[in-house]
Protein backbone atom coordinates (compact mmCIF):
# COMPACT_ATOMS: atom_id res chain seq x y z
CA MET A 1 -10.05 3.24 15.20
CA ARG A 2 -8.27 3.65 11.90
CA ASN A 3 -7.80 0.65 9.64
CA ARG A 4 -4.06 0.51 8.99
CA TYR A 5 -4.52 -1.57 5.90
CA LEU A 6 -6.50 1.27 4.29
CA ASP A 7 -3.78 3.70 5.50
CA LEU A 8 -1.23 1.45 3.81
CA LEU A 9 -3.20 1.61 0.56
CA ARG A 10 -3.37 5.39 0.70
CA PHE A 11 0.39 5.50 1.34
CA LEU A 12 1.12 3.28 -1.67
CA ALA A 13 -1.21 5.25 -3.87
CA ILE A 14 0.46 8.60 -3.01
CA VAL A 15 3.91 7.16 -3.46
CA ARG A 16 2.85 5.57 -6.84
CA VAL A 17 1.47 8.97 -8.02
CA VAL A 18 4.73 10.77 -7.32
CA VAL A 19 6.93 8.06 -8.90
CA TYR A 20 4.71 7.97 -11.99
CA HIS A 21 4.87 11.77 -12.45
CA VAL A 22 8.66 11.61 -12.23
CA THR A 23 9.19 8.56 -14.45
CA GLY A 24 6.15 8.52 -16.74
CA LEU A 25 6.13 4.73 -16.63
CA ALA A 26 2.74 3.65 -18.11
CA SER A 27 3.03 0.28 -16.48
CA LEU A 28 2.62 1.84 -13.02
CA THR A 29 -0.98 2.89 -13.90
CA LEU A 30 -1.77 -0.83 -14.65
CA VAL A 31 -0.03 -2.29 -11.66
CA PHE A 32 -1.67 0.16 -9.21
CA PRO A 33 -4.44 2.45 -10.44
CA ALA A 34 -3.74 4.96 -7.70
CA MET A 35 -6.27 7.69 -8.41
CA SER A 36 -9.22 5.33 -8.42
CA VAL A 37 -8.04 3.78 -5.21
CA MET A 38 -7.74 7.18 -3.58
CA PHE A 39 -11.26 8.07 -4.65
CA ALA A 40 -12.59 4.75 -3.34
CA LEU A 41 -10.92 5.34 0.05
CA ALA A 42 -12.28 8.93 0.10
CA GLY A 43 -15.74 7.64 -0.71
CA SER A 44 -15.61 5.24 2.19
CA LEU A 45 -14.52 8.00 4.55
CA MET A 46 -17.26 10.30 3.25
CA ALA A 47 -19.91 7.73 3.88
CA ALA A 48 -18.68 7.28 7.45
CA SER A 49 -18.68 11.07 8.01
CA LEU A 50 -22.25 11.33 6.69
CA ASP A 51 -23.33 8.55 9.01
CA ARG A 52 -21.81 10.37 11.98
CA SER A 53 -22.76 13.99 11.25
CA GLY A 54 -25.29 14.02 8.37
CA VAL A 55 -25.17 16.80 5.80
CA PRO A 56 -22.83 19.02 7.98
CA ALA A 57 -20.14 16.47 7.13
CA VAL A 58 -19.93 18.18 3.74
CA GLY A 59 -18.77 21.37 5.28
CA ARG A 60 -16.32 19.50 7.59
CA ARG A 61 -14.83 17.67 4.62
CA LEU A 62 -14.37 20.88 2.65
CA ARG A 63 -12.78 22.51 5.65
CA ARG A 64 -10.17 19.81 5.65
CA LEU A 65 -9.72 19.93 1.89
CA LEU A 66 -9.35 23.60 1.03
CA PRO A 67 -6.73 25.15 3.38
CA SER A 68 -3.90 23.18 1.80
CA LEU A 69 -4.97 24.39 -1.60
CA TRP A 70 -5.07 27.98 -0.37
CA VAL A 71 -1.49 27.69 0.76
CA VAL A 72 -0.49 26.54 -2.75
CA ALA A 73 -2.51 29.36 -4.27
CA ALA A 74 -0.91 31.98 -2.00
CA VAL A 75 2.54 31.00 -3.38
CA PHE A 76 1.80 30.27 -7.02
CA VAL A 77 -1.02 32.61 -8.04
CA PRO A 78 1.02 35.77 -7.42
CA ALA A 79 3.97 34.15 -9.24
CA MET A 80 1.75 33.34 -12.25
CA LEU A 81 0.26 36.87 -12.27
CA LEU A 82 3.80 38.26 -12.39
CA THR A 83 4.77 35.93 -15.32
CA GLY A 84 1.87 36.39 -17.71
CA LEU A 85 -1.39 35.19 -16.11
CA VAL A 86 -4.11 37.71 -16.83
CA PHE A 87 -6.09 38.64 -13.75
CA THR A 88 -9.85 37.79 -14.31
CA PRO A 89 -12.70 36.95 -11.94
CA ARG A 90 -11.92 33.24 -12.61
CA VAL A 91 -8.91 33.61 -10.35
CA VAL A 92 -11.30 33.13 -7.46
CA LEU A 93 -11.59 29.50 -8.50
CA TRP A 94 -8.28 29.03 -6.67
CA LEU A 95 -10.31 29.42 -3.53
CA PHE A 96 -13.13 27.05 -4.47
CA PRO A 97 -12.18 25.05 -7.61
CA VAL A 98 -15.59 23.82 -8.91
CA ALA A 99 -13.90 24.27 -12.32
CA ASP A 100 -10.31 24.33 -13.41
CA PRO A 101 -8.71 27.53 -12.05
CA PRO A 102 -6.72 29.70 -14.52
CA ALA A 103 -2.97 29.21 -14.90
CA ASN A 104 -0.26 30.28 -17.26
CA TYR A 105 1.91 27.81 -19.15
CA TRP A 106 4.36 26.75 -16.46
CA GLY A 107 1.66 26.97 -13.80
CA GLY A 108 -0.62 24.70 -15.79
CA LEU A 109 2.08 22.04 -15.74
CA ALA A 110 3.22 22.50 -12.23
CA LEU A 111 -0.33 22.66 -10.78
CA SER A 112 -1.97 20.10 -13.07
CA PRO A 113 -2.93 17.74 -10.15
CA ILE A 114 -5.54 20.35 -9.13
CA TRP A 115 -8.09 18.35 -11.15
CA TYR A 116 -8.15 15.82 -8.30
CA LEU A 117 -9.37 18.48 -5.85
CA ARG A 118 -11.88 19.68 -8.33
CA ASP A 119 -13.36 16.19 -8.68
CA TYR A 120 -13.08 15.55 -4.96
CA LEU A 121 -14.97 18.75 -4.20
CA TRP A 122 -17.85 17.81 -6.54
CA PHE A 123 -18.00 14.24 -5.20
CA VAL A 124 -18.25 15.57 -1.66
CA LEU A 125 -20.99 18.05 -2.62
CA VAL A 126 -23.20 15.34 -4.22
CA SER A 127 -22.42 12.66 -1.61
CA PRO A 128 -25.52 13.18 0.67
CA VAL A 129 -27.82 12.58 -2.27
CA ALA A 130 -25.65 9.88 -3.78
CA LEU A 131 -25.48 7.97 -0.55
CA TRP A 132 -29.23 8.16 -0.10
CA LEU A 133 -29.72 6.80 -3.66
CA PHE A 134 -27.02 4.14 -3.21
CA ARG A 135 -28.68 2.71 -0.09
CA ARG A 136 -32.02 2.47 -1.90
CA ALA A 137 -30.89 1.20 -5.22
CA PRO A 138 -27.23 0.12 -4.95
CA LEU A 139 -26.74 -1.60 -8.30
CA PRO A 140 -28.44 1.05 -10.52
CA THR A 141 -26.60 3.87 -8.60
CA LEU A 142 -23.31 2.11 -8.98
CA ALA A 143 -23.89 1.38 -12.66
CA ALA A 144 -24.84 5.01 -13.49
CA PRO A 145 -21.23 6.46 -13.73
CA TYR A 146 -20.01 3.61 -15.90
CA LEU A 147 -23.03 3.90 -18.22
CA LEU A 148 -22.36 7.64 -18.47
CA LEU A 149 -18.75 6.89 -19.40
CA ILE A 150 -19.76 4.29 -21.96
CA ALA A 151 -22.21 6.84 -23.51
CA ILE A 152 -19.43 9.44 -23.72
CA GLU A 153 -16.88 6.97 -25.23
CA ALA A 154 -19.48 5.77 -27.78
CA ASP A 155 -20.40 9.35 -28.75
CA LEU A 156 -23.92 8.80 -27.65
CA PHE A 157 -23.53 11.75 -25.30
CA THR A 158 -21.29 14.65 -26.14
CA THR A 159 -19.92 16.96 -23.45
CA THR A 160 -16.92 19.22 -23.11
CA SER A 161 -17.23 19.32 -19.32
CA ALA A 162 -14.17 17.73 -17.69
CA VAL A 163 -16.20 17.42 -14.45
CA LEU A 164 -18.91 15.41 -16.11
CA GLN A 165 -16.40 13.15 -17.83
CA HIS A 166 -14.62 12.50 -14.58
CA PHE A 167 -17.94 11.67 -12.96
CA GLY A 168 -18.08 8.83 -15.40
CA LEU A 169 -14.46 7.92 -14.87
CA TYR A 170 -14.02 8.17 -11.06
CA PHE A 171 -17.34 8.46 -9.33
CA GLY A 172 -17.86 4.72 -9.70
CA ALA A 173 -14.79 4.23 -7.51
CA TRP A 174 -16.22 6.71 -5.01
CA LEU A 175 -19.43 4.64 -4.90
CA LEU A 176 -17.44 1.46 -4.37
CA GLY A 177 -16.11 3.28 -1.35
CA PHE A 178 -19.69 3.64 -0.12
CA ALA A 179 -20.14 -0.08 -0.67
CA HIS A 180 -17.00 -0.80 1.38
CA HIS A 181 -18.17 1.39 4.23
CA ASP A 182 -21.61 -0.28 4.28
CA GLY A 183 -20.01 -3.75 4.31
CA LEU A 184 -21.50 -4.78 0.98
CA LEU A 185 -18.17 -5.70 -0.53
CA ARG A 186 -17.14 -7.62 2.56
CA ARG A 187 -20.41 -9.62 2.53
CA LEU A 188 -20.17 -10.37 -1.14
CA ALA A 189 -19.47 -14.04 -1.57
CA GLY A 190 -16.24 -15.07 -3.20
CA ARG A 191 -18.14 -16.92 -5.90
CA VAL A 192 -19.67 -13.55 -6.87
CA LEU A 193 -16.80 -11.14 -6.19
CA VAL A 194 -14.03 -13.12 -7.98
CA PRO A 195 -15.99 -13.70 -11.29
CA ALA A 196 -17.12 -9.99 -11.20
CA ALA A 197 -13.51 -8.82 -10.76
CA LEU A 198 -12.24 -11.12 -13.47
CA LEU A 199 -14.96 -10.04 -15.87
CA LEU A 200 -14.31 -6.30 -15.27
CA ALA A 201 -10.52 -6.84 -15.53
CA GLY A 202 -10.95 -8.85 -18.74
CA VAL A 203 -13.21 -6.39 -20.47
CA GLY A 204 -11.08 -3.50 -19.24
CA ALA A 205 -7.91 -5.20 -20.46
CA GLY A 206 -9.48 -5.90 -23.83
CA TRP A 207 -10.40 -2.22 -24.23
CA ILE A 208 -6.98 -1.09 -23.12
CA LEU A 209 -5.20 -3.32 -25.64
CA THR A 210 -7.47 -2.26 -28.50
CA HIS A 211 -7.57 1.44 -27.65
CA PRO A 212 -3.99 2.53 -26.83
CA GLY A 213 -3.50 6.21 -26.16
CA PRO A 214 -0.68 8.57 -27.25
CA ARG A 215 1.48 7.09 -24.47
CA GLY A 216 0.63 3.47 -25.21
CA TYR A 217 -1.16 1.58 -22.49
CA ASP A 218 -1.19 4.42 -20.00
CA LEU A 219 -4.58 4.23 -18.21
CA ASN A 220 -4.76 8.04 -17.96
CA ASP A 221 -5.32 8.09 -21.76
CA ILE A 222 -7.92 5.32 -21.83
CA PRO A 223 -10.86 6.37 -19.67
CA LEU A 224 -13.20 3.37 -20.13
CA GLY A 225 -10.38 0.88 -19.72
CA ASN A 226 -9.19 2.83 -16.71
CA ALA A 227 -12.62 2.71 -15.07
CA LEU A 228 -13.18 -1.02 -15.59
CA TRP A 229 -9.70 -2.12 -14.70
CA SER A 230 -9.75 0.07 -11.55
CA ALA A 231 -13.10 -1.28 -10.51
CA ALA A 232 -11.70 -4.86 -10.62
CA PHE A 233 -8.65 -3.76 -8.64
CA ILE A 234 -10.83 -2.05 -6.04
CA LEU A 235 -13.06 -5.09 -5.65
CA VAL A 236 -10.01 -7.18 -4.81
CA VAL A 237 -7.79 -4.95 -2.70
CA ILE A 238 -10.57 -3.06 -0.85
CA GLY A 239 -13.41 -5.56 -1.14
CA ARG A 240 -11.31 -8.04 0.79
CA ALA A 241 -9.69 -5.51 3.08
CA PRO A 242 -8.99 -6.96 6.57
CA ALA A 243 -10.74 -5.35 9.52
CA THR A 244 -7.39 -4.81 11.17
CA ALA A 245 -3.73 -4.86 10.01
CA ALA A 246 -1.53 -4.89 13.08
CA TRP A 247 1.34 -6.14 10.96
CA VAL A 248 1.66 -2.68 9.34
CA ASP A 249 2.92 -1.32 12.67
CA ARG A 250 5.44 -4.12 13.38
CA ASN A 251 8.17 -2.27 11.59
CA LEU A 252 8.51 1.14 13.22
CA ILE A 253 9.95 2.82 10.12
CA VAL A 254 7.17 1.58 7.84
CA SER A 255 4.55 2.45 10.51
CA ARG A 256 5.87 6.01 10.78
CA LEU A 257 6.09 6.56 7.06
CA VAL A 258 2.51 5.31 6.56
CA THR A 259 1.26 7.67 9.30
CA ILE A 260 3.17 10.72 8.03
CA VAL A 261 2.03 10.29 4.42
CA ASN A 262 -1.59 9.76 5.53
CA ARG A 263 -1.49 12.87 7.65
CA ARG A 264 0.21 14.89 4.88
CA ALA A 265 -1.40 13.34 1.79
CA LEU A 266 -2.78 16.61 0.40
CA THR A 267 0.48 18.45 0.97
CA VAL A 268 2.48 15.69 -0.81
CA TYR A 269 0.02 15.51 -3.65
CA LEU A 270 -0.20 19.28 -4.23
CA TRP A 271 3.51 20.08 -3.94
CA HIS A 272 5.21 17.19 -5.70
CA MET A 273 4.39 18.28 -9.30
CA PRO A 274 6.05 21.74 -9.13
CA PHE A 275 9.27 19.96 -8.10
CA VAL A 276 8.88 17.41 -10.92
CA VAL A 277 8.50 20.25 -13.44
CA ALA A 278 11.42 22.24 -11.95
CA LEU A 279 13.81 19.33 -11.97
CA THR A 280 13.02 18.08 -15.48
CA PRO A 281 15.25 20.64 -17.30
CA LEU A 282 18.19 19.51 -15.07
CA VAL A 283 18.11 16.16 -16.83
CA GLY A 284 19.51 17.69 -20.02
CA LEU A 285 21.94 19.96 -18.22
CA VAL A 286 23.77 17.04 -16.61
CA GLY A 287 23.70 14.95 -19.73
CA TRP A 288 21.09 12.35 -18.77
CA SER A 289 18.37 11.24 -21.19
CA SER A 290 14.80 11.38 -20.12
CA ARG A 291 14.90 7.59 -19.69
CA ASP A 292 18.30 7.23 -18.06
CA PRO A 293 17.74 4.91 -15.08
CA TRP A 294 20.18 6.74 -12.82
CA GLY A 295 18.75 10.09 -13.78
CA LEU A 296 15.20 8.93 -13.03
CA ALA A 297 16.25 7.45 -9.71
CA ILE A 298 17.99 10.60 -8.65
CA ARG A 299 15.00 12.69 -9.70
CA VAL A 300 12.69 10.50 -7.67
CA VAL A 301 14.85 10.91 -4.55
CA LEU A 302 15.19 14.65 -5.07
CA VAL A 303 11.51 15.13 -5.54
CA PHE A 304 10.73 13.18 -2.32
CA LEU A 305 13.42 15.19 -0.39
CA LEU A 306 11.99 18.53 -1.65
CA VAL A 307 8.45 17.43 -0.82
CA GLY A 308 9.71 16.40 2.58
CA VAL A 309 11.09 19.93 3.15
CA VAL A 310 7.94 21.68 2.08
CA THR A 311 5.87 19.29 4.13
CA LEU A 312 7.84 20.37 7.20
CA LEU A 313 7.21 23.98 6.32
CA VAL A 314 3.52 23.93 5.57
CA GLY A 315 2.17 20.43 6.29
CA TRP A 316 0.92 21.50 9.67
CA VAL A 317 -1.92 23.30 7.81
CA GLU A 318 -3.56 19.92 7.48
CA ASP A 319 -3.49 19.51 11.24
CA VAL A 320 -5.16 22.88 11.72
CA ALA A 321 -7.72 22.10 9.03
CA ALA A 322 -8.53 18.83 10.80
CA ARG A 323 -8.57 20.58 14.22
CA ARG A 324 -5.64 18.51 15.42
CA ARG A 325 -2.68 19.85 17.43
CA PRO A 326 -0.22 21.04 14.75
CA GLU A 327 2.91 18.90 14.40
CA LEU A 328 5.99 19.29 12.23
CA VAL A 329 6.36 15.61 11.91
CA PRO A 330 3.14 13.77 12.70
CA GLY A 331 2.74 10.42 14.39
CA ARG A 332 5.20 10.75 17.24
CA ARG A 333 4.48 8.29 20.01
CA PRO A 334 3.15 9.97 23.15
CA ALA A 335 5.69 10.21 25.97
CA ARG A 336 5.25 7.54 28.58
CA PRO A 337 3.86 8.90 31.78
CA VAL A 338 6.37 9.06 34.62
CA PRO A 339 5.22 6.66 37.36
CA ALA A 340 4.32 8.39 40.57
CA THR A 341 6.69 7.94 43.45
CA PRO A 342 5.09 5.57 45.88
CA VAL A 343 4.27 6.91 49.28
CA VAL A 344 5.40 4.62 52.10
CA PRO A 345 3.94 5.19 55.57
CA ALA A 346 6.51 5.48 58.35
CA PRO A 347 6.35 3.01 61.19
CA ARG A 348 4.03 4.07 63.95
CA THR A 349 5.63 5.15 67.13
CA PRO A 350 3.47 4.92 70.23
CA GLY A 351 2.35 8.34 71.29
CA ALA A 352 3.64 10.05 68.13
CA ASP A 353 1.74 11.44 65.13
CA THR A 354 1.78 9.34 61.95
CA VAL A 355 4.29 10.68 59.49
CA GLU A 356 4.52 9.83 55.81
CA ILE A 357 7.82 9.86 54.02
CA ARG A 358 8.53 9.44 50.35
CA ALA A 359 10.59 6.44 49.24
CA ARG A 360 13.80 7.49 47.49
């Protein structure tokens, strides 16, 4: 049975990502470090899949991940080839992005969120070994990504690999997802969890304040601060996640939105940025500044509307990938079964056969 609280977190994370990409508000990354939360939730699901199916869970997870990307590639790769992208063998990375697939200028902007799928793919591939190590040595395994990131930030280890850098940045969140699935975070006493979260948040905040990036205190520009702050956030919001959250479904509109976004998370994530890029020039055409509140609000609404349209058109691919019955709008309540018409026996007449008639 799905934990609706975790569904709610994923819903909030997706919405936050879209709003951030439209508005560019750095404060949103601090208030809700959405990418780390999404990796933690994915790590928890991956651990559950490995427990159910073993190593074949890797193939099943990739089967659910890649078809939505292939739909995007089928639309945008030909368009980029027609507008300047040089065809090379690296184009096949759009089928299996173990590295950043090639793109031209506008494609690089519109399809920039592909890095999430690249990291997700690698994390899935290493998960069988990582889960094995985590269950035998949880603390050293959990510390390893953060130590890697510290080594990179301190120039003790030099690498140009974006994948390796993101192992340091986000794989710790994935491993915290393992800890959530195994119940380690839930069993962690408050006298341990709270000081640990406060320490991580304090050190992370100190690093953020003393190492601002080109956009100020945007966590996306401050990897070590991002990792530490996000770890503290995950310890609190996922470490103390309730086993059930029936209250999420008390409001039918909220419940339906949470269900739709969870069932269409990849579609929303992959398609929102092209609309953000396409709508940005309109700001100047209608006379709004890039920070005009009304202009930003209208852009947010338009992006969500356009994402809603494309989700109706191609979101069903996620159902097919998950081997569910395809739906245009997921989460519809099943129709109530029509009660059978009761059969009432007719009164017995001496010497006559028994006759049954249906009540009307």
